[in-house]
Full PDB file with SEQRES, HELIX, SHEET, SSBOND, CRYST1, ORIGX, SCALE, CONECT and MASTER records, all heavy atoms in Angstrom:
SEQRES   1 A   38  VAL GLU VAL HIS LEU GLU THR GLY ARG THR HIS GLN ILE          
SEQRES   2 A   38  ARG VAL HIS PHE SER ALA LEU ARG HIS PRO CYS VAL GLY          
SEQRES   3 A   38  ASP LEU THR TYR GLY ALA ASP PRO ALA LEU ALA ALA              
HELIX    1 AA1 GLN A   12  ALA A   19  1                                   8    
HELIX    2 AA2 LEU A   28  TYR A   30  5                                   3    
HELIX    3 AA3 PRO A   34  ALA A   37  1                                   4    
CRYST1    1.000    1.000    1.000  90.00  90.00  90.00 P 1           1          
ORIGX1      1.000000  0.000000  0.000000        0.00000                         
ORIGX2      0.000000  1.000000  0.000000        0.00000                         
ORIGX3      0.000000  0.000000  1.000000        0.00000                         
SCALE1      1.000000  0.000000  0.000000        0.00000                         
SCALE2      0.000000  1.000000  0.000000        0.00000                         
SCALE3      0.000000  0.000000  1.000000        0.00000                         
ATOM      1  N   VAL A   1      49.667   6.066 248.018  1.00  0.00           N  
ATOM      2  CA  VAL A   1      48.259   5.693 248.087  1.00  0.00           C  
ATOM      3  C   VAL A   1      47.830   5.513 249.538  1.00  0.00           C  
ATOM      4  O   VAL A   1      48.632   5.147 250.405  1.00  0.00           O  
ATOM      5  CB  VAL A   1      47.957   4.393 247.299  1.00  0.00           C  
ATOM      6  CG1 VAL A   1      48.177   4.589 245.811  1.00  0.00           C  
ATOM      7  CG2 VAL A   1      48.798   3.234 247.815  1.00  0.00           C  
ATOM      8  N   GLU A   2      46.547   5.810 249.782  1.00  0.00           N  
ATOM      9  CA  GLU A   2      45.950   5.519 251.084  1.00  0.00           C  
ATOM     10  C   GLU A   2      45.167   4.221 250.944  1.00  0.00           C  
ATOM     11  O   GLU A   2      44.413   4.043 249.978  1.00  0.00           O  
ATOM     12  CB  GLU A   2      45.030   6.648 251.536  1.00  0.00           C  
ATOM     13  CG  GLU A   2      44.398   6.382 252.898  1.00  0.00           C  
ATOM     14  CD  GLU A   2      43.789   7.625 253.522  1.00  0.00           C  
ATOM     15  OE1 GLU A   2      44.561   8.553 253.880  1.00  0.00           O  
ATOM     16  OE2 GLU A   2      42.549   7.701 253.634  1.00  0.00           O  
ATOM     17  N   VAL A   3      45.348   3.334 251.886  1.00  0.00           N  
ATOM     18  CA  VAL A   3      44.768   2.003 251.803  1.00  0.00           C  
ATOM     19  C   VAL A   3      43.890   1.730 253.015  1.00  0.00           C  
ATOM     20  O   VAL A   3      44.309   1.949 254.157  1.00  0.00           O  
ATOM     21  CB  VAL A   3      45.868   0.923 251.728  1.00  0.00           C  
ATOM     22  CG1 VAL A   3      45.250  -0.464 251.641  1.00  0.00           C  
ATOM     23  CG2 VAL A   3      46.794   1.179 250.546  1.00  0.00           C  
ATOM     24  N   HIS A   4      42.672   1.260 252.772  1.00  0.00           N  
ATOM     25  CA  HIS A   4      41.762   0.827 253.839  1.00  0.00           C  
ATOM     26  C   HIS A   4      41.596  -0.684 253.710  1.00  0.00           C  
ATOM     27  O   HIS A   4      41.185  -1.173 252.658  1.00  0.00           O  
ATOM     28  CB  HIS A   4      40.398   1.512 253.721  1.00  0.00           C  
ATOM     29  CG  HIS A   4      40.427   2.981 254.012  1.00  0.00           C  
ATOM     30  ND1 HIS A   4      39.889   3.525 255.155  1.00  0.00           N  
ATOM     31  CD2 HIS A   4      40.951   4.014 253.305  1.00  0.00           C  
ATOM     32  CE1 HIS A   4      40.070   4.839 255.141  1.00  0.00           C  
ATOM     33  NE2 HIS A   4      40.712   5.158 254.023  1.00  0.00           N  
ATOM     34  N   LEU A   5      41.915  -1.391 254.775  1.00  0.00           N  
ATOM     35  CA  LEU A   5      41.780  -2.841 254.750  1.00  0.00           C  
ATOM     36  C   LEU A   5      40.403  -3.267 255.231  1.00  0.00           C  
ATOM     37  O   LEU A   5      39.979  -2.903 256.322  1.00  0.00           O  
ATOM     38  CB  LEU A   5      42.837  -3.503 255.645  1.00  0.00           C  
ATOM     39  CG  LEU A   5      44.270  -3.521 255.126  1.00  0.00           C  
ATOM     40  CD1 LEU A   5      45.153  -4.305 256.083  1.00  0.00           C  
ATOM     41  CD2 LEU A   5      44.341  -4.116 253.738  1.00  0.00           C  
ATOM     42  N   GLU A   6      39.728  -4.032 254.391  1.00  0.00           N  
ATOM     43  CA  GLU A   6      38.453  -4.611 254.814  1.00  0.00           C  
ATOM     44  C   GLU A   6      38.696  -5.942 255.518  1.00  0.00           C  
ATOM     45  O   GLU A   6      38.013  -6.290 256.476  1.00  0.00           O  
ATOM     46  CB  GLU A   6      37.544  -4.803 253.597  1.00  0.00           C  
ATOM     47  CG  GLU A   6      36.144  -5.258 253.962  1.00  0.00           C  
ATOM     48  CD  GLU A   6      35.214  -5.240 252.766  1.00  0.00           C  
ATOM     49  OE1 GLU A   6      35.261  -4.272 251.974  1.00  0.00           O  
ATOM     50  OE2 GLU A   6      34.431  -6.199 252.623  1.00  0.00           O  
ATOM     51  N   THR A   7      39.681  -6.686 255.034  1.00  0.00           N  
ATOM     52  CA  THR A   7      40.104  -7.925 255.686  1.00  0.00           C  
ATOM     53  C   THR A   7      41.534  -7.718 256.184  1.00  0.00           C  
ATOM     54  O   THR A   7      42.154  -6.696 255.901  1.00  0.00           O  
ATOM     55  CB  THR A   7      40.051  -9.111 254.712  1.00  0.00           C  
ATOM     56  OG1 THR A   7      40.790  -8.767 253.529  1.00  0.00           O  
ATOM     57  CG2 THR A   7      38.615  -9.429 254.328  1.00  0.00           C  
ATOM     58  N   GLY A   8      42.069  -8.680 256.905  1.00  0.00           N  
ATOM     59  CA  GLY A   8      43.396  -8.517 257.486  1.00  0.00           C  
ATOM     60  C   GLY A   8      44.276  -9.728 257.284  1.00  0.00           C  
ATOM     61  O   GLY A   8      44.770 -10.313 258.248  1.00  0.00           O  
ATOM     62  N   ARG A   9      44.505 -10.116 256.032  1.00  0.00           N  
ATOM     63  CA  ARG A   9      45.350 -11.271 255.751  1.00  0.00           C  
ATOM     64  C   ARG A   9      46.831 -10.914 255.889  1.00  0.00           C  
ATOM     65  O   ARG A   9      47.218  -9.762 255.698  1.00  0.00           O  
ATOM     66  CB  ARG A   9      45.092 -11.803 254.335  1.00  0.00           C  
ATOM     67  CG  ARG A   9      43.644 -12.048 254.001  1.00  0.00           C  
ATOM     68  CD  ARG A   9      42.977 -13.023 254.946  1.00  0.00           C  
ATOM     69  NE  ARG A   9      41.554 -13.149 254.649  1.00  0.00           N  
ATOM     70  CZ  ARG A   9      40.642 -13.545 255.512  1.00  0.00           C  
ATOM     71  NH1 ARG A   9      41.009 -13.859 256.753  1.00  0.00           N  
ATOM     72  NH2 ARG A   9      39.371 -13.642 255.170  1.00  0.00           N  
ATOM     73  N   THR A  10      47.639 -11.916 256.172  1.00  0.00           N  
ATOM     74  CA  THR A  10      49.076 -11.709 256.258  1.00  0.00           C  
ATOM     75  C   THR A  10      49.613 -11.184 254.923  1.00  0.00           C  
ATOM     76  O   THR A  10      49.314 -11.741 253.869  1.00  0.00           O  
ATOM     77  CB  THR A  10      49.787 -13.031 256.614  1.00  0.00           C  
ATOM     78  OG1 THR A  10      49.253 -13.533 257.842  1.00  0.00           O  
ATOM     79  CG2 THR A  10      51.286 -12.823 256.759  1.00  0.00           C  
ATOM     80  N   HIS A  11      50.371 -10.075 255.002  1.00  0.00           N  
ATOM     81  CA  HIS A  11      50.993  -9.453 253.817  1.00  0.00           C  
ATOM     82  C   HIS A  11      49.960  -8.954 252.807  1.00  0.00           C  
ATOM     83  O   HIS A  11      50.291  -8.765 251.627  1.00  0.00           O  
ATOM     84  CB  HIS A  11      51.946 -10.426 253.110  1.00  0.00           C  
ATOM     85  CG  HIS A  11      53.110 -10.869 253.942  1.00  0.00           C  
ATOM     86  ND1 HIS A  11      54.086 -11.725 253.453  1.00  0.00           N  
ATOM     87  CD2 HIS A  11      53.463 -10.590 255.225  1.00  0.00           C  
ATOM     88  CE1 HIS A  11      54.980 -11.961 254.409  1.00  0.00           C  
ATOM     89  NE2 HIS A  11      54.618 -11.280 255.496  1.00  0.00           N  
ATOM     90  N   GLN A  12      48.729  -8.690 253.231  1.00  0.00           N  
ATOM     91  CA  GLN A  12      47.654  -8.412 252.275  1.00  0.00           C  
ATOM     92  C   GLN A  12      47.974  -7.265 251.319  1.00  0.00           C  
ATOM     93  O   GLN A  12      47.827  -7.407 250.097  1.00  0.00           O  
ATOM     94  CB  GLN A  12      46.347  -8.118 253.017  1.00  0.00           C  
ATOM     95  CG  GLN A  12      45.180  -7.787 252.071  1.00  0.00           C  
ATOM     96  CD  GLN A  12      43.855  -7.687 252.791  1.00  0.00           C  
ATOM     97  OE1 GLN A  12      43.587  -8.455 253.709  1.00  0.00           O  
ATOM     98  NE2 GLN A  12      43.024  -6.735 252.389  1.00  0.00           N  
ATOM     99  N   ILE A  13      48.367  -6.119 251.848  1.00  0.00           N  
ATOM    100  CA  ILE A  13      48.622  -4.963 250.990  1.00  0.00           C  
ATOM    101  C   ILE A  13      49.780  -5.262 250.043  1.00  0.00           C  
ATOM    102  O   ILE A  13      49.721  -4.974 248.837  1.00  0.00           O  
ATOM    103  CB  ILE A  13      48.931  -3.711 251.841  1.00  0.00           C  
ATOM    104  CG1 ILE A  13      47.695  -3.317 252.667  1.00  0.00           C  
ATOM    105  CG2 ILE A  13      49.386  -2.550 250.959  1.00  0.00           C  
ATOM    106  CD1 ILE A  13      47.956  -2.218 253.686  1.00  0.00           C  
ATOM    107  N   ARG A  14      50.818  -5.866 250.570  1.00  0.00           N  
ATOM    108  CA  ARG A  14      51.999  -6.178 249.766  1.00  0.00           C  
ATOM    109  C   ARG A  14      51.644  -7.140 248.632  1.00  0.00           C  
ATOM    110  O   ARG A  14      52.082  -6.961 247.488  1.00  0.00           O  
ATOM    111  CB  ARG A  14      53.079  -6.755 250.668  1.00  0.00           C  
ATOM    112  CG  ARG A  14      53.498  -5.819 251.789  1.00  0.00           C  
ATOM    113  CD  ARG A  14      54.322  -6.539 252.850  1.00  0.00           C  
ATOM    114  NE  ARG A  14      55.583  -7.040 252.308  1.00  0.00           N  
ATOM    115  CZ  ARG A  14      56.385  -7.862 252.971  1.00  0.00           C  
ATOM    116  NH1 ARG A  14      56.046  -8.288 254.182  1.00  0.00           N  
ATOM    117  NH2 ARG A  14      57.513  -8.273 252.407  1.00  0.00           N  
ATOM    118  N   VAL A  15      50.868  -8.163 248.942  1.00  0.00           N  
ATOM    119  CA  VAL A  15      50.499  -9.160 247.935  1.00  0.00           C  
ATOM    120  C   VAL A  15      49.574  -8.557 246.886  1.00  0.00           C  
ATOM    121  O   VAL A  15      49.755  -8.766 245.675  1.00  0.00           O  
ATOM    122  CB  VAL A  15      49.826 -10.370 248.607  1.00  0.00           C  
ATOM    123  CG1 VAL A  15      49.225 -11.307 247.577  1.00  0.00           C  
ATOM    124  CG2 VAL A  15      50.844 -11.132 249.462  1.00  0.00           C  
ATOM    125  N   HIS A  16      48.567  -7.799 247.333  1.00  0.00           N  
ATOM    126  CA  HIS A  16      47.603  -7.251 246.381  1.00  0.00           C  
ATOM    127  C   HIS A  16      48.256  -6.270 245.407  1.00  0.00           C  
ATOM    128  O   HIS A  16      48.000  -6.319 244.192  1.00  0.00           O  
ATOM    129  CB  HIS A  16      46.456  -6.583 247.135  1.00  0.00           C  
ATOM    130  CG  HIS A  16      45.325  -7.520 247.435  1.00  0.00           C  
ATOM    131  ND1 HIS A  16      44.274  -7.198 248.260  1.00  0.00           N  
ATOM    132  CD2 HIS A  16      45.073  -8.783 246.999  1.00  0.00           C  
ATOM    133  CE1 HIS A  16      43.437  -8.220 248.321  1.00  0.00           C  
ATOM    134  NE2 HIS A  16      43.901  -9.189 247.568  1.00  0.00           N  
ATOM    135  N   PHE A  17      49.108  -5.382 245.905  1.00  0.00           N  
ATOM    136  CA  PHE A  17      49.722  -4.414 244.989  1.00  0.00           C  
ATOM    137  C   PHE A  17      50.782  -5.078 244.112  1.00  0.00           C  
ATOM    138  O   PHE A  17      50.982  -4.681 242.959  1.00  0.00           O  
ATOM    139  CB  PHE A  17      50.278  -3.212 245.753  1.00  0.00           C  
ATOM    140  CG  PHE A  17      49.221  -2.199 246.071  1.00  0.00           C  
ATOM    141  CD1 PHE A  17      48.572  -2.200 247.291  1.00  0.00           C  
ATOM    142  CD2 PHE A  17      48.836  -1.264 245.124  1.00  0.00           C  
ATOM    143  CE1 PHE A  17      47.568  -1.287 247.579  1.00  0.00           C  
ATOM    144  CE2 PHE A  17      47.846  -0.338 245.388  1.00  0.00           C  
ATOM    145  CZ  PHE A  17      47.199  -0.350 246.620  1.00  0.00           C  
ATOM    146  N   SER A  18      51.429  -6.106 244.627  1.00  0.00           N  
ATOM    147  CA  SER A  18      52.354  -6.872 243.795  1.00  0.00           C  
ATOM    148  C   SER A  18      51.601  -7.558 242.656  1.00  0.00           C  
ATOM    149  O   SER A  18      52.081  -7.613 241.513  1.00  0.00           O  
ATOM    150  CB  SER A  18      53.090  -7.908 244.641  1.00  0.00           C  
ATOM    151  OG  SER A  18      53.926  -8.716 243.852  1.00  0.00           O  
ATOM    152  N   ALA A  19      50.410  -8.079 242.960  1.00  0.00           N  
ATOM    153  CA  ALA A  19      49.605  -8.747 241.935  1.00  0.00           C  
ATOM    154  C   ALA A  19      49.182  -7.775 240.834  1.00  0.00           C  
ATOM    155  O   ALA A  19      48.977  -8.171 239.684  1.00  0.00           O  
ATOM    156  CB  ALA A  19      48.374  -9.387 242.573  1.00  0.00           C  
ATOM    157  N   LEU A  20      49.049  -6.483 241.184  1.00  0.00           N  
ATOM    158  CA  LEU A  20      48.720  -5.453 240.187  1.00  0.00           C  
ATOM    159  C   LEU A  20      49.955  -4.956 239.444  1.00  0.00           C  
ATOM    160  O   LEU A  20      49.852  -4.058 238.604  1.00  0.00           O  
ATOM    161  CB  LEU A  20      48.051  -4.253 240.874  1.00  0.00           C  
ATOM    162  CG  LEU A  20      46.665  -4.437 241.488  1.00  0.00           C  
ATOM    163  CD1 LEU A  20      46.156  -3.102 242.006  1.00  0.00           C  
ATOM    164  CD2 LEU A  20      45.688  -5.014 240.479  1.00  0.00           C  
ATOM    165  N   ARG A  21      51.123  -5.509 239.792  1.00  0.00           N  
ATOM    166  CA  ARG A  21      52.411  -5.082 239.241  1.00  0.00           C  
ATOM    167  C   ARG A  21      52.789  -3.683 239.707  1.00  0.00           C  
ATOM    168  O   ARG A  21      53.465  -2.923 239.009  1.00  0.00           O  
ATOM    169  CB  ARG A  21      52.442  -5.181 237.711  1.00  0.00           C  
ATOM    170  CG  ARG A  21      52.163  -6.594 237.204  1.00  0.00           C  
ATOM    171  CD  ARG A  21      52.349  -6.699 235.699  1.00  0.00           C  
ATOM    172  NE  ARG A  21      51.974  -8.007 235.187  1.00  0.00           N  
ATOM    173  CZ  ARG A  21      52.750  -9.087 235.235  1.00  0.00           C  
ATOM    174  NH1 ARG A  21      53.945  -9.008 235.789  1.00  0.00           N  
ATOM    175  NH2 ARG A  21      52.335 -10.250 234.741  1.00  0.00           N  
ATOM    176  N   HIS A  22      52.350  -3.344 240.911  1.00  0.00           N  
ATOM    177  CA  HIS A  22      52.726  -2.084 241.559  1.00  0.00           C  
ATOM    178  C   HIS A  22      53.167  -2.375 242.994  1.00  0.00           C  
ATOM    179  O   HIS A  22      52.534  -1.938 243.962  1.00  0.00           O  
ATOM    180  CB  HIS A  22      51.553  -1.096 241.564  1.00  0.00           C  
ATOM    181  CG  HIS A  22      51.091  -0.676 240.207  1.00  0.00           C  
ATOM    182  ND1 HIS A  22      51.854   0.111 239.379  1.00  0.00           N  
ATOM    183  CD2 HIS A  22      49.941  -0.945 239.523  1.00  0.00           C  
ATOM    184  CE1 HIS A  22      51.202   0.320 238.238  1.00  0.00           C  
ATOM    185  NE2 HIS A  22      50.038  -0.316 238.306  1.00  0.00           N  
ATOM    186  N   PRO A  23      54.256  -3.148 243.164  1.00  0.00           N  
ATOM    187  CA  PRO A  23      54.676  -3.500 244.524  1.00  0.00           C  
ATOM    188  C   PRO A  23      55.087  -2.275 245.330  1.00  0.00           C  
ATOM    189  O   PRO A  23      55.442  -1.229 244.767  1.00  0.00           O  
ATOM    190  CB  PRO A  23      55.875  -4.420 244.290  1.00  0.00           C  
ATOM    191  CG  PRO A  23      56.409  -4.010 242.956  1.00  0.00           C  
ATOM    192  CD  PRO A  23      55.191  -3.650 242.146  1.00  0.00           C  
ATOM    193  N   CYS A  24      55.031  -2.405 246.652  1.00  0.00           N  
ATOM    194  CA  CYS A  24      55.508  -1.325 247.512  1.00  0.00           C  
ATOM    195  C   CYS A  24      56.983  -1.075 247.238  1.00  0.00           C  
ATOM    196  O   CYS A  24      57.773  -2.020 247.087  1.00  0.00           O  
ATOM    197  CB  CYS A  24      55.340  -1.689 248.992  1.00  0.00           C  
ATOM    198  SG  CYS A  24      53.635  -1.893 249.528  1.00  0.00           S  
ATOM    199  N   VAL A  25      57.361   0.191 247.158  1.00  0.00           N  
ATOM    200  CA  VAL A  25      58.770   0.541 246.982  1.00  0.00           C  
ATOM    201  C   VAL A  25      59.577  -0.129 248.103  1.00  0.00           C  
ATOM    202  O   VAL A  25      59.205  -0.073 249.276  1.00  0.00           O  
ATOM    203  CB  VAL A  25      58.954   2.063 247.011  1.00  0.00           C  
ATOM    204  CG1 VAL A  25      60.439   2.431 247.057  1.00  0.00           C  
ATOM    205  CG2 VAL A  25      58.283   2.711 245.797  1.00  0.00           C  
ATOM    206  N   GLY A  26      60.672  -0.778 247.737  1.00  0.00           N  
ATOM    207  CA  GLY A  26      61.524  -1.423 248.728  1.00  0.00           C  
ATOM    208  C   GLY A  26      61.144  -2.843 249.086  1.00  0.00           C  
ATOM    209  O   GLY A  26      61.886  -3.524 249.789  1.00  0.00           O  
ATOM    210  N   ASP A  27      59.995  -3.324 248.592  1.00  0.00           N  
ATOM    211  CA  ASP A  27      59.527  -4.662 248.964  1.00  0.00           C  
ATOM    212  C   ASP A  27      60.097  -5.698 247.997  1.00  0.00           C  
ATOM    213  O   ASP A  27      59.403  -6.224 247.127  1.00  0.00           O  
ATOM    214  CB  ASP A  27      57.995  -4.703 248.959  1.00  0.00           C  
ATOM    215  CG  ASP A  27      57.445  -5.938 249.646  1.00  0.00           C  
ATOM    216  OD1 ASP A  27      58.253  -6.776 250.108  1.00  0.00           O  
ATOM    217  OD2 ASP A  27      56.214  -6.071 249.743  1.00  0.00           O  
ATOM    218  N   LEU A  28      61.374  -6.031 248.193  1.00  0.00           N  
ATOM    219  CA  LEU A  28      62.057  -6.936 247.275  1.00  0.00           C  
ATOM    220  C   LEU A  28      61.446  -8.334 247.305  1.00  0.00           C  
ATOM    221  O   LEU A  28      61.498  -9.065 246.309  1.00  0.00           O  
ATOM    222  CB  LEU A  28      63.542  -7.003 247.619  1.00  0.00           C  
ATOM    223  CG  LEU A  28      64.296  -5.659 247.676  1.00  0.00           C  
ATOM    224  CD1 LEU A  28      65.787  -5.901 247.823  1.00  0.00           C  
ATOM    225  CD2 LEU A  28      64.006  -4.801 246.449  1.00  0.00           C  
ATOM    226  N   THR A  29      60.854  -8.723 248.427  1.00  0.00           N  
ATOM    227  CA  THR A  29      60.215 -10.041 248.523  1.00  0.00           C  
ATOM    228  C   THR A  29      59.095 -10.184 247.503  1.00  0.00           C  
ATOM    229  O   THR A  29      58.863 -11.257 246.955  1.00  0.00           O  
ATOM    230  CB  THR A  29      59.647 -10.257 249.937  1.00  0.00           C  
ATOM    231  OG1 THR A  29      60.721 -10.225 250.878  1.00  0.00           O  
ATOM    232  CG2 THR A  29      58.909 -11.586 250.058  1.00  0.00           C  
ATOM    233  N   TYR A  30      58.396  -9.090 247.232  1.00  0.00           N  
ATOM    234  CA  TYR A  30      57.248  -9.145 246.336  1.00  0.00           C  
ATOM    235  C   TYR A  30      57.474  -8.380 245.039  1.00  0.00           C  
ATOM    236  O   TYR A  30      56.541  -7.838 244.464  1.00  0.00           O  
ATOM    237  CB  TYR A  30      55.999  -8.646 247.067  1.00  0.00           C  
ATOM    238  CG  TYR A  30      55.496  -9.657 248.087  1.00  0.00           C  
ATOM    239  CD1 TYR A  30      55.720  -9.481 249.436  1.00  0.00           C  
ATOM    240  CD2 TYR A  30      54.816 -10.803 247.678  1.00  0.00           C  
ATOM    241  CE1 TYR A  30      55.277 -10.416 250.370  1.00  0.00           C  
ATOM    242  CE2 TYR A  30      54.383 -11.748 248.592  1.00  0.00           C  
ATOM    243  CZ  TYR A  30      54.608 -11.542 249.936  1.00  0.00           C  
ATOM    244  OH  TYR A  30      54.167 -12.482 250.850  1.00  0.00           O  
ATOM    245  N   GLY A  31      58.722  -8.360 244.590  1.00  0.00           N  
ATOM    246  CA  GLY A  31      58.986  -7.907 243.232  1.00  0.00           C  
ATOM    247  C   GLY A  31      59.350  -6.456 243.028  1.00  0.00           C  
ATOM    248  O   GLY A  31      59.342  -5.975 241.889  1.00  0.00           O  
ATOM    249  N   ALA A  32      59.681  -5.733 244.098  1.00  0.00           N  
ATOM    250  CA  ALA A  32      60.062  -4.329 243.933  1.00  0.00           C  
ATOM    251  C   ALA A  32      61.412  -4.217 243.231  1.00  0.00           C  
ATOM    252  O   ALA A  32      62.241  -5.131 243.270  1.00  0.00           O  
ATOM    253  CB  ALA A  32      60.118  -3.635 245.292  1.00  0.00           C  
ATOM    254  N   ASP A  33      61.638  -3.069 242.593  1.00  0.00           N  
ATOM    255  CA  ASP A  33      62.872  -2.788 241.871  1.00  0.00           C  
ATOM    256  C   ASP A  33      63.981  -2.455 242.868  1.00  0.00           C  
ATOM    257  O   ASP A  33      63.903  -1.444 243.567  1.00  0.00           O  
ATOM    258  CB  ASP A  33      62.638  -1.614 240.931  1.00  0.00           C  
ATOM    259  CG  ASP A  33      63.888  -1.196 240.169  1.00  0.00           C  
ATOM    260  OD1 ASP A  33      64.929  -1.871 240.305  1.00  0.00           O  
ATOM    261  OD2 ASP A  33      63.824  -0.181 239.457  1.00  0.00           O  
ATOM    262  N   PRO A  34      65.026  -3.275 242.959  1.00  0.00           N  
ATOM    263  CA  PRO A  34      66.082  -2.994 243.940  1.00  0.00           C  
ATOM    264  C   PRO A  34      66.835  -1.701 243.653  1.00  0.00           C  
ATOM    265  O   PRO A  34      67.336  -1.054 244.578  1.00  0.00           O  
ATOM    266  CB  PRO A  34      67.003  -4.220 243.825  1.00  0.00           C  
ATOM    267  CG  PRO A  34      66.680  -4.854 242.519  1.00  0.00           C  
ATOM    268  CD  PRO A  34      65.242  -4.537 242.246  1.00  0.00           C  
ATOM    269  N   ALA A  35      66.918  -1.316 242.379  1.00  0.00           N  
ATOM    270  CA  ALA A  35      67.619  -0.075 242.038  1.00  0.00           C  
ATOM    271  C   ALA A  35      66.855   1.138 242.576  1.00  0.00           C  
ATOM    272  O   ALA A  35      67.453   2.070 243.119  1.00  0.00           O  
ATOM    273  CB  ALA A  35      67.795   0.031 240.526  1.00  0.00           C  
ATOM    274  N   LEU A  36      65.538   1.125 242.444  1.00  0.00           N  
ATOM    275  CA  LEU A  36      64.728   2.221 242.961  1.00  0.00           C  
ATOM    276  C   LEU A  36      64.822   2.270 244.485  1.00  0.00           C  
ATOM    277  O   LEU A  36      64.950   3.344 245.077  1.00  0.00           O  
ATOM    278  CB  LEU A  36      63.272   2.051 242.524  1.00  0.00           C  
ATOM    279  CG  LEU A  36      62.288   3.096 243.058  1.00  0.00           C  
ATOM    280  CD1 LEU A  36      62.692   4.499 242.621  1.00  0.00           C  
ATOM    281  CD2 LEU A  36      60.863   2.781 242.592  1.00  0.00           C  
ATOM    282  N   ALA A  37      64.773   1.111 245.122  1.00  0.00           N  
ATOM    283  CA  ALA A  37      64.883   1.062 246.582  1.00  0.00           C  
ATOM    284  C   ALA A  37      66.216   1.638 247.044  1.00  0.00           C  
ATOM    285  O   ALA A  37      66.281   2.404 248.017  1.00  0.00           O  
ATOM    286  CB  ALA A  37      64.725  -0.376 247.071  1.00  0.00           C  
ATOM    287  N   ALA A  38      67.284   1.284 246.338  1.00  0.00           N  
ATOM    288  CA  ALA A  38      68.613   1.767 246.720  1.00  0.00           C  
ATOM    289  C   ALA A  38      68.717   3.276 246.576  1.00  0.00           C  
ATOM    290  O   ALA A  38      69.260   3.968 247.456  1.00  0.00           O  
ATOM    291  CB  ALA A  38      69.676   1.071 245.870  1.00  0.00           C  
TER     292      ALA A  38                                                      
MASTER        0    0    0    3    0    0    0    6  291    1    0    3          
END                                                                             
């Protein structure tokens, strides 16, 4: 996905996509699947 930030909060993209249950691949802090990352 291409993302345009209107605001600039700490971890904004990571938090927002995690909240949608679509965390960034590899982002284990915010709920990503470790098997997929590996």
